[in-house]
Amino acid sequence: MRTRRLFIIACALFIGACSSTPTAPTKAPATLEPPPGPYRSTFAAMKGDMAYGGISITPKAIPEGTFTADIVIRLAGLKGNTTYLLQRAQEGVGGRPLGGDGICQRSQSLYPWSPSDAAALAFQTVPLPATSPLVSFTTAANGDGSLDYEFRTLMILAGTTNDVMYRLVDNDTAPTLELRSECMSITAK
């Protein structure tokens, strides 16, 4: 009987030791889900520290029949109290081919956007043309940031599908941090 009691106590102690709850702090998520919208992408770090976030683009119809969209960005893990610029590499403009093939050649400096083609910046800070203040946001002290704005351009007509890639940089000419979205083929309403 005593052996049986010792066996039960030993089993209880063994099971209790194996089922302890973790006390280590939880880590930040490995990804941050992009905001809701018909066109969504996560950001990937191309240069600098990894941050997590995503972008969504929601085109909407306007009487002028040109591209207008609500753009929403959510980020976590960036450097705190730092200003970032939003840039885009828009294709399907300037009469160049392959504007809606889903590859985003402009962001990769591939034909018809290669150095041997007519000169054009790979990424341009929004808005285009720069007729109003450049689109930027400053992160909170903890490195989280968000941006919600309406984007309009006369260069893209309703019904047109174009490839675009977005990026966030901490400096327009010499970025130390660069986050890029995936290539998205977006149809204007």
N, C-alpha and C. Protein backbone atom coordinates (compact mmCIF):
# COMPACT_ATOMS: atom_id res chain seq x y z
N MET A 1 0.81 -1.18 0.00
CA MET A 1 0.00 0.00 0.00
C MET A 1 0.87 1.26 0.00
N ARG A 2 1.93 1.21 0.83
CA ARG A 2 2.82 2.35 0.92
C ARG A 2 3.52 2.57 -0.42
N THR A 3 3.91 1.53 -1.10
CA THR A 3 4.56 1.63 -2.40
C THR A 3 3.62 2.27 -3.42
N ARG A 4 2.35 1.87 -3.35
CA ARG A 4 1.36 2.43 -4.27
C ARG A 4 1.18 3.92 -4.03
N ARG A 5 1.13 4.34 -2.74
CA ARG A 5 0.99 5.74 -2.40
C ARG A 5 2.20 6.54 -2.89
N LEU A 6 3.40 6.03 -2.71
CA LEU A 6 4.60 6.70 -3.19
C LEU A 6 4.58 6.82 -4.71
N PHE A 7 4.11 5.78 -5.38
CA PHE A 7 4.01 5.79 -6.82
C PHE A 7 3.06 6.90 -7.29
N ILE A 8 1.92 7.05 -6.64
CA ILE A 8 0.92 8.09 -7.00
C ILE A 8 1.49 9.48 -6.75
N ILE A 9 2.19 9.66 -5.62
CA ILE A 9 2.79 10.97 -5.32
C ILE A 9 3.88 11.29 -6.34
N ALA A 10 4.70 10.31 -6.68
CA ALA A 10 5.77 10.52 -7.66
C ALA A 10 5.18 10.89 -9.02
N CYS A 11 4.11 10.21 -9.43
CA CYS A 11 3.45 10.53 -10.71
C CYS A 11 2.88 11.94 -10.70
N ALA A 12 2.26 12.32 -9.58
CA ALA A 12 1.68 13.66 -9.48
C ALA A 12 2.77 14.73 -9.59
N LEU A 13 3.89 14.53 -8.90
CA LEU A 13 4.99 15.49 -8.98
C LEU A 13 5.57 15.54 -10.38
N PHE A 14 5.73 14.39 -11.03
CA PHE A 14 6.28 14.32 -12.38
C PHE A 14 5.37 15.05 -13.37
N ILE A 15 4.07 14.79 -13.30
CA ILE A 15 3.11 15.43 -14.21
C ILE A 15 3.09 16.93 -13.94
N GLY A 16 3.11 17.34 -12.69
CA GLY A 16 3.11 18.76 -12.35
C GLY A 16 4.33 19.48 -12.89
N ALA A 17 5.49 18.82 -12.84
CA ALA A 17 6.72 19.43 -13.33
C ALA A 17 6.69 19.58 -14.85
N CYS A 18 6.06 18.66 -15.53
CA CYS A 18 6.01 18.69 -16.99
C CYS A 18 4.94 19.65 -17.51
N SER A 19 4.02 20.04 -16.69
CA SER A 19 2.95 20.89 -17.21
C SER A 19 3.01 22.30 -16.64
N SER A 20 4.20 22.76 -16.31
CA SER A 20 4.31 24.12 -15.78
C SER A 20 4.05 25.13 -16.88
N THR A 21 3.56 26.28 -16.51
CA THR A 21 3.27 27.32 -17.49
C THR A 21 4.53 28.12 -17.74
N PRO A 22 4.73 28.59 -19.00
CA PRO A 22 5.94 29.34 -19.32
C PRO A 22 5.91 30.70 -18.64
N THR A 23 7.09 31.18 -18.25
CA THR A 23 7.18 32.48 -17.63
C THR A 23 7.97 33.46 -18.48
N ALA A 24 8.48 33.00 -19.61
CA ALA A 24 9.25 33.88 -20.48
C ALA A 24 8.32 34.91 -21.12
N PRO A 25 8.81 36.12 -21.36
CA PRO A 25 7.96 37.13 -21.99
C PRO A 25 7.62 36.73 -23.41
N THR A 26 6.49 37.15 -23.89
CA THR A 26 6.08 36.83 -25.25
C THR A 26 6.79 37.75 -26.23
N LYS A 27 7.07 37.24 -27.40
CA LYS A 27 7.74 38.01 -28.45
C LYS A 27 6.70 38.76 -29.27
N ALA A 28 7.18 39.77 -29.99
CA ALA A 28 6.32 40.48 -30.94
C ALA A 28 5.95 39.50 -32.05
N PRO A 29 4.82 39.70 -32.71
CA PRO A 29 4.42 38.78 -33.77
C PRO A 29 5.42 38.79 -34.91
N ALA A 30 5.57 37.64 -35.57
CA ALA A 30 6.48 37.54 -36.70
C ALA A 30 5.92 38.25 -37.92
N THR A 31 4.64 38.50 -37.94
CA THR A 31 4.01 39.26 -39.01
C THR A 31 2.91 40.11 -38.42
N LEU A 32 2.50 41.09 -39.18
CA LEU A 32 1.38 41.92 -38.81
C LEU A 32 0.43 41.88 -40.00
N GLU A 33 -0.76 41.41 -39.79
CA GLU A 33 -1.73 41.23 -40.87
C GLU A 33 -1.99 42.58 -41.57
N PRO A 34 -1.97 42.60 -42.92
CA PRO A 34 -2.29 43.84 -43.62
C PRO A 34 -3.71 44.29 -43.29
N PRO A 35 -3.97 45.58 -43.33
CA PRO A 35 -5.32 46.08 -43.09
C PRO A 35 -6.30 45.51 -44.12
N PRO A 36 -7.60 45.48 -43.79
CA PRO A 36 -8.59 44.98 -44.75
C PRO A 36 -8.65 45.85 -46.00
N GLY A 37 -8.94 45.23 -47.11
CA GLY A 37 -9.07 45.93 -48.38
C GLY A 37 -8.95 44.95 -49.53
N PRO A 38 -9.35 45.35 -50.73
CA PRO A 38 -9.31 44.43 -51.87
C PRO A 38 -7.89 44.11 -52.35
N TYR A 39 -6.95 45.03 -52.16
CA TYR A 39 -5.55 44.80 -52.54
C TYR A 39 -4.72 44.96 -51.27
N ARG A 40 -4.05 43.86 -50.86
CA ARG A 40 -3.34 43.85 -49.59
C ARG A 40 -1.96 43.23 -49.77
N SER A 41 -1.01 43.69 -48.96
CA SER A 41 0.33 43.13 -49.00
C SER A 41 1.02 43.35 -47.66
N THR A 42 1.87 42.42 -47.30
CA THR A 42 2.76 42.63 -46.16
C THR A 42 4.00 43.36 -46.66
N PHE A 43 4.76 43.92 -45.74
CA PHE A 43 6.02 44.56 -46.09
C PHE A 43 7.17 43.61 -45.77
N ALA A 44 8.21 43.65 -46.59
CA ALA A 44 9.42 42.88 -46.35
C ALA A 44 10.58 43.85 -46.23
N ALA A 45 11.50 43.58 -45.31
CA ALA A 45 12.67 44.43 -45.11
C ALA A 45 13.69 44.16 -46.22
N MET A 46 14.05 45.19 -46.95
CA MET A 46 15.07 45.09 -47.98
C MET A 46 16.40 45.63 -47.45
N LYS A 47 16.31 46.56 -46.49
CA LYS A 47 17.50 47.19 -45.90
C LYS A 47 17.14 47.63 -44.50
N GLY A 48 18.03 47.41 -43.55
CA GLY A 48 17.79 47.84 -42.18
C GLY A 48 17.11 46.77 -41.36
N ASP A 49 16.70 47.16 -40.16
CA ASP A 49 16.06 46.24 -39.23
C ASP A 49 14.70 45.77 -39.74
N MET A 50 14.34 44.57 -39.35
CA MET A 50 13.05 44.02 -39.72
C MET A 50 11.94 44.70 -38.92
N ALA A 51 10.91 45.05 -39.60
CA ALA A 51 9.70 45.58 -38.98
C ALA A 51 8.55 44.77 -39.56
N TYR A 52 7.40 44.90 -38.99
CA TYR A 52 6.26 44.12 -39.43
C TYR A 52 5.14 45.06 -39.80
N GLY A 53 4.47 44.75 -40.88
CA GLY A 53 3.36 45.60 -41.26
C GLY A 53 2.78 45.23 -42.59
N GLY A 54 1.81 46.02 -42.98
CA GLY A 54 1.14 45.77 -44.24
C GLY A 54 0.44 47.02 -44.76
N ILE A 55 -0.01 46.90 -45.99
CA ILE A 55 -0.68 47.99 -46.69
C ILE A 55 -1.92 47.44 -47.37
N SER A 56 -2.95 48.27 -47.46
CA SER A 56 -4.12 47.91 -48.26
C SER A 56 -4.49 49.10 -49.13
N ILE A 57 -4.95 48.80 -50.34
CA ILE A 57 -5.38 49.81 -51.29
C ILE A 57 -6.81 49.49 -51.68
N THR A 58 -7.69 50.48 -51.52
CA THR A 58 -9.09 50.31 -51.87
C THR A 58 -9.47 51.37 -52.90
N PRO A 59 -9.45 51.02 -54.21
CA PRO A 59 -9.84 51.98 -55.23
C PRO A 59 -11.31 52.36 -55.09
N LYS A 60 -11.63 53.58 -55.49
CA LYS A 60 -13.03 54.02 -55.46
C LYS A 60 -13.30 54.88 -56.68
N ALA A 61 -14.54 54.82 -57.14
CA ALA A 61 -14.95 55.57 -58.33
C ALA A 61 -15.17 57.03 -57.95
N ILE A 62 -14.73 57.92 -58.85
CA ILE A 62 -14.99 59.35 -58.69
C ILE A 62 -15.51 59.89 -60.03
N PRO A 63 -16.24 61.01 -60.03
CA PRO A 63 -16.81 61.54 -61.27
C PRO A 63 -15.77 61.83 -62.35
N GLU A 64 -14.55 62.17 -61.98
CA GLU A 64 -13.51 62.49 -62.96
C GLU A 64 -13.03 61.28 -63.75
N GLY A 65 -13.33 60.06 -63.27
CA GLY A 65 -12.94 58.84 -63.98
C GLY A 65 -11.46 58.54 -63.94
N THR A 66 -10.78 59.00 -62.90
CA THR A 66 -9.36 58.73 -62.73
C THR A 66 -9.13 57.97 -61.43
N PHE A 67 -7.92 57.46 -61.26
CA PHE A 67 -7.61 56.61 -60.13
C PHE A 67 -7.64 57.38 -58.81
N THR A 68 -8.44 56.86 -57.90
CA THR A 68 -8.51 57.36 -56.52
C THR A 68 -8.61 56.14 -55.62
N ALA A 69 -7.89 56.16 -54.52
CA ALA A 69 -7.91 55.01 -53.61
C ALA A 69 -7.64 55.47 -52.19
N ASP A 70 -8.22 54.73 -51.26
CA ASP A 70 -7.89 54.89 -49.85
C ASP A 70 -6.75 53.93 -49.56
N ILE A 71 -5.68 54.45 -49.00
CA ILE A 71 -4.51 53.65 -48.68
C ILE A 71 -4.34 53.64 -47.16
N VAL A 72 -4.18 52.42 -46.62
CA VAL A 72 -4.04 52.23 -45.18
C VAL A 72 -2.78 51.42 -44.92
N ILE A 73 -1.93 51.91 -44.01
CA ILE A 73 -0.69 51.24 -43.65
C ILE A 73 -0.65 51.06 -42.14
N ARG A 74 -0.25 49.87 -41.69
CA ARG A 74 -0.06 49.58 -40.28
C ARG A 74 1.31 48.92 -40.11
N LEU A 75 2.11 49.42 -39.13
CA LEU A 75 3.46 48.92 -38.93
C LEU A 75 3.78 48.76 -37.45
N ALA A 76 4.66 47.84 -37.15
CA ALA A 76 5.15 47.63 -35.79
C ALA A 76 6.63 47.28 -35.85
N GLY A 77 7.38 47.75 -34.88
CA GLY A 77 8.78 47.38 -34.77
C GLY A 77 9.77 48.27 -35.49
N LEU A 78 9.33 49.44 -35.94
CA LEU A 78 10.26 50.38 -36.55
C LEU A 78 10.99 51.16 -35.46
N LYS A 79 11.94 51.99 -35.87
CA LYS A 79 12.63 52.86 -34.93
C LYS A 79 11.62 53.91 -34.44
N GLY A 80 11.61 54.14 -33.14
CA GLY A 80 10.66 55.08 -32.55
C GLY A 80 10.96 56.53 -32.89
N ASN A 81 9.89 57.33 -32.94
CA ASN A 81 9.99 58.78 -33.17
C ASN A 81 10.78 59.11 -34.43
N THR A 82 10.54 58.36 -35.49
CA THR A 82 11.25 58.54 -36.76
C THR A 82 10.24 58.76 -37.88
N THR A 83 10.56 59.65 -38.80
CA THR A 83 9.68 59.95 -39.92
C THR A 83 10.06 59.08 -41.11
N TYR A 84 9.06 58.49 -41.74
CA TYR A 84 9.23 57.64 -42.92
C TYR A 84 8.43 58.20 -44.07
N LEU A 85 8.97 58.06 -45.28
CA LEU A 85 8.30 58.50 -46.51
C LEU A 85 7.68 57.30 -47.21
N LEU A 86 6.52 57.52 -47.83
CA LEU A 86 5.89 56.49 -48.64
C LEU A 86 6.23 56.76 -50.10
N GLN A 87 6.71 55.73 -50.78
CA GLN A 87 7.06 55.83 -52.19
C GLN A 87 6.38 54.72 -52.96
N ARG A 88 6.23 54.93 -54.27
CA ARG A 88 5.64 53.90 -55.12
C ARG A 88 6.39 53.82 -56.43
N ALA A 89 6.37 52.62 -57.01
CA ALA A 89 6.89 52.37 -58.35
C ALA A 89 5.70 51.93 -59.18
N GLN A 90 5.09 52.90 -59.86
CA GLN A 90 3.86 52.68 -60.65
C GLN A 90 4.24 52.33 -62.08
N GLU A 91 3.61 51.33 -62.62
CA GLU A 91 3.82 50.96 -64.02
C GLU A 91 2.56 51.30 -64.81
N GLY A 92 2.62 51.09 -66.12
CA GLY A 92 1.47 51.38 -66.97
C GLY A 92 1.33 52.86 -67.27
N VAL A 93 2.40 53.62 -67.09
CA VAL A 93 2.39 55.06 -67.36
C VAL A 93 3.52 55.38 -68.34
N GLY A 94 3.42 56.50 -68.99
CA GLY A 94 4.47 56.94 -69.90
C GLY A 94 4.57 56.13 -71.17
N GLY A 95 3.53 55.38 -71.52
CA GLY A 95 3.53 54.61 -72.75
C GLY A 95 4.44 53.39 -72.75
N ARG A 96 4.92 52.99 -71.60
CA ARG A 96 5.80 51.82 -71.54
C ARG A 96 4.96 50.54 -71.48
N PRO A 97 5.42 49.46 -72.13
CA PRO A 97 4.68 48.20 -72.12
C PRO A 97 4.80 47.47 -70.78
N LEU A 98 4.09 46.37 -70.65
CA LEU A 98 4.15 45.45 -69.51
C LEU A 98 3.65 46.08 -68.21
N GLY A 99 2.75 47.04 -68.30
CA GLY A 99 2.25 47.75 -67.12
C GLY A 99 1.33 46.94 -66.24
N GLY A 100 0.78 45.83 -66.74
CA GLY A 100 -0.16 45.04 -65.95
C GLY A 100 0.13 43.55 -66.00
N ASP A 101 1.41 43.18 -66.05
CA ASP A 101 1.76 41.76 -66.15
C ASP A 101 2.03 41.11 -64.79
N GLY A 102 1.92 41.87 -63.71
CA GLY A 102 2.10 41.32 -62.37
C GLY A 102 3.54 41.15 -61.92
N ILE A 103 4.51 41.76 -62.63
CA ILE A 103 5.92 41.55 -62.29
C ILE A 103 6.56 42.75 -61.59
N CYS A 104 6.11 43.96 -61.81
CA CYS A 104 6.70 45.18 -61.21
C CYS A 104 8.16 45.37 -61.64
N GLN A 105 8.36 45.47 -62.94
CA GLN A 105 9.70 45.67 -63.49
C GLN A 105 10.33 46.98 -63.02
N ARG A 106 9.52 48.03 -62.85
CA ARG A 106 10.07 49.33 -62.49
C ARG A 106 10.82 49.26 -61.16
N SER A 107 10.27 48.59 -60.18
CA SER A 107 10.92 48.52 -58.87
C SER A 107 12.20 47.70 -58.89
N GLN A 108 12.36 46.88 -59.93
CA GLN A 108 13.55 46.02 -60.05
C GLN A 108 14.51 46.50 -61.14
N SER A 109 14.20 47.65 -61.75
CA SER A 109 15.01 48.23 -62.84
C SER A 109 15.17 47.26 -64.00
N LEU A 110 14.07 46.59 -64.37
CA LEU A 110 14.04 45.67 -65.51
C LEU A 110 13.36 46.35 -66.69
N TYR A 111 13.62 45.85 -67.92
CA TYR A 111 12.94 46.38 -69.10
C TYR A 111 11.43 46.42 -68.85
N PRO A 112 10.75 47.47 -69.20
CA PRO A 112 11.14 48.70 -69.89
C PRO A 112 11.54 49.83 -68.97
N TRP A 113 12.03 49.50 -67.79
CA TRP A 113 12.45 50.50 -66.79
C TRP A 113 13.93 50.34 -66.44
N SER A 114 14.71 49.68 -67.28
CA SER A 114 16.12 49.44 -67.00
C SER A 114 16.95 50.69 -67.30
N PRO A 115 18.20 50.72 -66.85
CA PRO A 115 19.06 51.88 -67.13
C PRO A 115 19.24 52.14 -68.63
N SER A 116 19.08 51.13 -69.47
CA SER A 116 19.24 51.34 -70.92
C SER A 116 17.97 51.92 -71.55
N ASP A 117 16.86 52.00 -70.79
CA ASP A 117 15.63 52.61 -71.27
C ASP A 117 15.60 54.09 -70.87
N ALA A 118 14.57 54.79 -71.30
CA ALA A 118 14.44 56.21 -70.95
C ALA A 118 14.52 56.39 -69.43
N ALA A 119 15.18 57.45 -69.01
CA ALA A 119 15.41 57.69 -67.58
C ALA A 119 14.10 57.85 -66.81
N ALA A 120 14.03 57.21 -65.64
CA ALA A 120 12.89 57.34 -64.74
C ALA A 120 13.32 56.80 -63.38
N LEU A 121 12.87 57.46 -62.34
CA LEU A 121 13.14 56.97 -60.99
C LEU A 121 12.41 55.65 -60.78
N ALA A 122 13.04 54.72 -60.07
CA ALA A 122 12.37 53.47 -59.76
C ALA A 122 11.21 53.73 -58.80
N PHE A 123 11.46 54.43 -57.71
CA PHE A 123 10.44 54.77 -56.73
C PHE A 123 10.34 56.28 -56.62
N GLN A 124 9.12 56.77 -56.48
CA GLN A 124 8.89 58.19 -56.31
C GLN A 124 8.06 58.41 -55.06
N THR A 125 8.42 59.45 -54.31
CA THR A 125 7.68 59.75 -53.10
C THR A 125 6.31 60.28 -53.47
N VAL A 126 5.29 59.77 -52.81
CA VAL A 126 3.90 60.14 -53.05
C VAL A 126 3.67 61.51 -52.41
N PRO A 127 2.94 62.45 -52.99
CA PRO A 127 2.06 62.30 -54.15
C PRO A 127 2.79 62.56 -55.46
N LEU A 128 2.17 62.13 -56.52
CA LEU A 128 2.70 62.34 -57.86
C LEU A 128 1.64 63.04 -58.69
N PRO A 129 1.91 64.11 -59.38
CA PRO A 129 3.14 64.89 -59.20
C PRO A 129 3.14 65.54 -57.82
N ALA A 130 4.29 65.91 -57.35
CA ALA A 130 4.43 66.44 -55.99
C ALA A 130 3.84 67.85 -55.90
N THR A 131 2.52 67.91 -55.89
CA THR A 131 1.83 69.20 -55.84
C THR A 131 1.38 69.55 -54.43
N SER A 132 1.55 68.66 -53.52
CA SER A 132 1.20 68.92 -52.13
C SER A 132 2.27 68.29 -51.25
N PRO A 133 2.16 68.41 -49.94
CA PRO A 133 3.21 67.84 -49.09
C PRO A 133 3.41 66.34 -49.34
N LEU A 134 4.65 65.91 -49.23
CA LEU A 134 4.96 64.51 -49.43
C LEU A 134 4.31 63.68 -48.33
N VAL A 135 3.91 62.45 -48.68
CA VAL A 135 3.23 61.58 -47.73
C VAL A 135 4.27 60.96 -46.82
N SER A 136 4.13 61.24 -45.54
CA SER A 136 5.04 60.69 -44.54
C SER A 136 4.27 60.45 -43.25
N PHE A 137 4.90 59.72 -42.34
CA PHE A 137 4.33 59.54 -41.01
C PHE A 137 5.48 59.35 -40.04
N THR A 138 5.22 59.67 -38.79
CA THR A 138 6.22 59.53 -37.74
C THR A 138 5.76 58.45 -36.77
N THR A 139 6.67 57.55 -36.45
CA THR A 139 6.33 56.46 -35.55
C THR A 139 6.22 56.96 -34.11
N ALA A 140 5.48 56.21 -33.32
CA ALA A 140 5.38 56.48 -31.89
C ALA A 140 6.69 56.08 -31.22
N ALA A 141 6.83 56.37 -29.96
CA ALA A 141 8.04 56.03 -29.22
C ALA A 141 8.34 54.54 -29.24
N ASN A 142 7.28 53.69 -29.30
CA ASN A 142 7.49 52.24 -29.31
C ASN A 142 7.78 51.68 -30.71
N GLY A 143 7.82 52.54 -31.74
CA GLY A 143 8.15 52.10 -33.10
C GLY A 143 6.96 51.70 -33.94
N ASP A 144 5.75 51.82 -33.41
CA ASP A 144 4.55 51.50 -34.18
C ASP A 144 4.11 52.74 -34.97
N GLY A 145 3.49 52.49 -36.10
CA GLY A 145 3.03 53.60 -36.92
C GLY A 145 1.85 53.21 -37.78
N SER A 146 1.11 54.22 -38.20
CA SER A 146 -0.01 53.98 -39.10
C SER A 146 -0.21 55.20 -39.98
N LEU A 147 -0.82 54.96 -41.12
CA LEU A 147 -1.10 56.02 -42.08
C LEU A 147 -2.38 55.67 -42.81
N ASP A 148 -3.29 56.62 -42.90
CA ASP A 148 -4.54 56.48 -43.65
C ASP A 148 -4.67 57.74 -44.50
N TYR A 149 -4.76 57.56 -45.82
CA TYR A 149 -4.92 58.75 -46.66
C TYR A 149 -5.58 58.37 -47.98
N GLU A 150 -6.05 59.40 -48.67
CA GLU A 150 -6.65 59.22 -49.99
C GLU A 150 -5.62 59.64 -51.02
N PHE A 151 -5.41 58.77 -52.01
CA PHE A 151 -4.47 59.05 -53.08
C PHE A 151 -5.24 59.27 -54.37
N ARG A 152 -4.89 60.31 -55.12
CA ARG A 152 -5.50 60.59 -56.42
C ARG A 152 -4.41 60.86 -57.45
N THR A 153 -4.65 60.40 -58.68
CA THR A 153 -3.75 60.72 -59.78
C THR A 153 -4.57 60.83 -61.06
N LEU A 154 -4.19 61.77 -61.90
CA LEU A 154 -4.85 61.95 -63.19
C LEU A 154 -4.24 61.04 -64.26
N MET A 155 -3.10 60.40 -63.96
CA MET A 155 -2.38 59.59 -64.95
C MET A 155 -3.03 58.25 -65.23
N ILE A 156 -3.90 57.77 -64.34
CA ILE A 156 -4.49 56.44 -64.49
C ILE A 156 -6.00 56.58 -64.62
N LEU A 157 -6.54 56.06 -65.71
CA LEU A 157 -7.98 56.16 -65.97
C LEU A 157 -8.73 54.99 -65.37
N ALA A 158 -10.00 55.22 -65.04
CA ALA A 158 -10.86 54.17 -64.51
C ALA A 158 -10.88 52.98 -65.47
N GLY A 159 -10.85 51.77 -64.92
CA GLY A 159 -10.86 50.55 -65.72
C GLY A 159 -9.47 50.05 -66.08
N THR A 160 -8.46 50.85 -65.84
CA THR A 160 -7.09 50.47 -66.15
C THR A 160 -6.49 49.63 -65.02
N THR A 161 -5.76 48.58 -65.39
CA THR A 161 -5.04 47.77 -64.40
C THR A 161 -3.55 48.05 -64.55
N ASN A 162 -2.92 48.39 -63.44
CA ASN A 162 -1.48 48.68 -63.44
C ASN A 162 -0.81 47.97 -62.29
N ASP A 163 0.46 47.63 -62.50
CA ASP A 163 1.28 47.05 -61.44
C ASP A 163 1.86 48.19 -60.61
N VAL A 164 1.96 47.95 -59.30
CA VAL A 164 2.57 48.94 -58.41
C VAL A 164 3.20 48.23 -57.21
N MET A 165 4.31 48.77 -56.77
CA MET A 165 4.95 48.31 -55.54
C MET A 165 5.19 49.54 -54.68
N TYR A 166 4.91 49.40 -53.40
CA TYR A 166 5.12 50.50 -52.45
C TYR A 166 6.33 50.19 -51.60
N ARG A 167 6.95 51.26 -51.10
CA ARG A 167 8.03 51.09 -50.14
C ARG A 167 8.01 52.23 -49.14
N LEU A 168 8.57 51.96 -47.98
CA LEU A 168 8.76 52.96 -46.93
C LEU A 168 10.26 53.12 -46.73
N VAL A 169 10.72 54.36 -46.66
CA VAL A 169 12.14 54.65 -46.44
C VAL A 169 12.27 55.73 -45.38
N ASP A 170 13.41 55.73 -44.70
CA ASP A 170 13.66 56.76 -43.69
C ASP A 170 14.39 57.97 -44.27
N ASN A 171 14.86 57.86 -45.53
CA ASN A 171 15.54 58.96 -46.19
C ASN A 171 15.34 58.79 -47.69
N ASP A 172 14.98 59.86 -48.37
CA ASP A 172 14.65 59.79 -49.80
C ASP A 172 15.86 59.44 -50.67
N THR A 173 17.02 59.97 -50.35
CA THR A 173 18.18 59.76 -51.22
C THR A 173 19.13 58.67 -50.75
N ALA A 174 19.24 58.46 -49.43
CA ALA A 174 20.16 57.44 -48.90
C ALA A 174 19.49 56.71 -47.74
N PRO A 175 18.49 55.87 -48.04
CA PRO A 175 17.77 55.21 -46.95
C PRO A 175 18.63 54.20 -46.19
N THR A 176 18.46 54.17 -44.86
CA THR A 176 19.09 53.13 -44.05
C THR A 176 18.07 52.05 -43.71
N LEU A 177 16.79 52.35 -43.96
CA LEU A 177 15.72 51.36 -43.79
C LEU A 177 14.84 51.42 -45.03
N GLU A 178 14.53 50.25 -45.58
CA GLU A 178 13.64 50.15 -46.73
C GLU A 178 12.75 48.93 -46.55
N LEU A 179 11.45 49.17 -46.54
CA LEU A 179 10.45 48.10 -46.49
C LEU A 179 9.68 48.14 -47.79
N ARG A 180 9.47 46.97 -48.42
CA ARG A 180 8.74 46.92 -49.69
C ARG A 180 7.52 46.02 -49.58
N SER A 181 6.48 46.45 -50.29
CA SER A 181 5.28 45.61 -50.43
C SER A 181 5.55 44.60 -51.53
N GLU A 182 4.62 43.69 -51.68
CA GLU A 182 4.66 42.78 -52.82
C GLU A 182 4.17 43.56 -54.04
N CYS A 183 4.37 43.01 -55.22
CA CYS A 183 3.86 43.60 -56.44
C CYS A 183 2.34 43.36 -56.47
N MET A 184 1.59 44.42 -56.73
CA MET A 184 0.13 44.31 -56.80
C MET A 184 -0.36 44.85 -58.13
N SER A 185 -1.27 44.14 -58.77
CA SER A 185 -1.93 44.60 -59.99
C SER A 185 -3.28 45.16 -59.58
N ILE A 186 -3.41 46.50 -59.65
CA ILE A 186 -4.59 47.19 -59.12
C ILE A 186 -5.40 47.77 -60.27
N THR A 187 -6.70 47.55 -60.22
CA THR A 187 -7.61 48.08 -61.23
C THR A 187 -8.32 49.31 -60.67
N ALA A 188 -8.20 50.41 -61.42
CA ALA A 188 -8.87 51.67 -61.04
C ALA A 188 -10.36 51.54 -61.29
N LYS A 189 -11.17 52.13 -60.41
CA LYS A 189 -12.63 52.10 -60.59
C LYS A 189 -13.10 53.33 -61.32
